């Protein structure tokens, strides 16, 4: 069965199948994990964390 997600006022909504909803939830969870790990990186290397992350992204 599909689920409808809308804003808090009930205006409109997005009809999602269960798989799409689960994928969206996983993305949110991964995003929160990414933020936590990035905070750890900032503790280790300070302001250069952004530079280091970009360099690693560009390598792969």
Protein backbone atom coordinates (compact mmCIF):
# COMPACT_ATOMS: atom_id res chain seq x y z
CA UNK A 1 0.00 0.00 0.00
CA UNK A 2 1.24 3.49 -0.80
CA UNK A 3 1.68 6.16 1.84
CA UNK A 4 0.97 9.86 1.41
CA UNK A 5 3.38 12.37 2.91
CA UNK A 6 2.25 15.97 3.11
CA UNK A 7 3.09 19.12 4.94
CA UNK A 8 1.85 19.67 8.49
CA UNK A 9 -1.17 21.63 7.24
CA UNK A 10 -2.30 18.75 5.05
CA UNK A 11 -1.76 20.69 1.84
CA UNK A 12 -0.85 18.45 -1.02
CA UNK A 13 1.32 15.44 -0.55
CA UNK A 14 3.60 12.95 -2.15
CA UNK A 15 2.37 9.44 -2.80
CA UNK A 16 5.15 6.98 -2.07
CA UNK A 17 5.39 3.26 -2.35
CA UNK A 18 6.98 1.52 0.65
CA UNK A 19 10.33 1.02 -1.09
CA UNK A 20 10.62 4.73 -1.96
CA UNK A 21 9.75 5.70 1.60
CA UNK A 22 12.36 3.30 3.00
CA UNK A 23 15.02 4.67 0.65
CA UNK A 24 14.21 8.23 1.70
CA UNK A 25 14.51 7.25 5.37
CA UNK A 26 17.88 5.59 4.71
CA UNK A 27 19.15 8.74 2.99
CA UNK A 28 18.15 10.87 5.98
CA UNK A 29 19.87 8.43 8.35
CA UNK A 30 23.05 8.43 6.24
CA UNK A 31 23.01 12.23 6.15
CA UNK A 32 22.86 12.37 9.95
CA UNK A 33 25.71 9.87 10.19
CA UNK A 34 27.74 11.91 7.70
CA UNK A 35 27.28 15.04 9.82
CA UNK A 36 28.47 13.21 12.94
CA UNK A 37 31.54 11.79 11.20
CA UNK A 38 32.37 15.16 9.65
CA UNK A 39 32.24 16.76 13.10
CA UNK A 40 34.84 14.20 14.22
CA UNK A 41 37.01 15.14 11.25
CA UNK A 42 36.75 18.81 12.19
CA UNK A 43 37.95 17.96 15.70
CA UNK A 44 40.98 16.18 14.24
CA UNK A 45 42.06 18.61 11.52
CA UNK A 46 40.15 21.81 12.25
CA UNK A 47 39.28 24.20 9.45
CA UNK A 48 41.17 22.06 6.94
CA UNK A 49 38.46 19.40 7.19
CA UNK A 50 36.61 20.85 4.18
CA UNK A 51 39.80 20.94 2.14
CA UNK A 52 40.69 17.37 3.10
CA UNK A 53 37.22 16.08 2.31
CA UNK A 54 37.25 17.76 -1.11
CA UNK A 55 40.71 16.33 -1.90
CA UNK A 56 39.59 12.81 -1.00
CA UNK A 57 36.39 13.21 -3.05
CA UNK A 58 38.40 14.33 -6.07
CA UNK A 59 40.70 11.30 -5.83
CA UNK A 60 37.93 8.76 -6.15
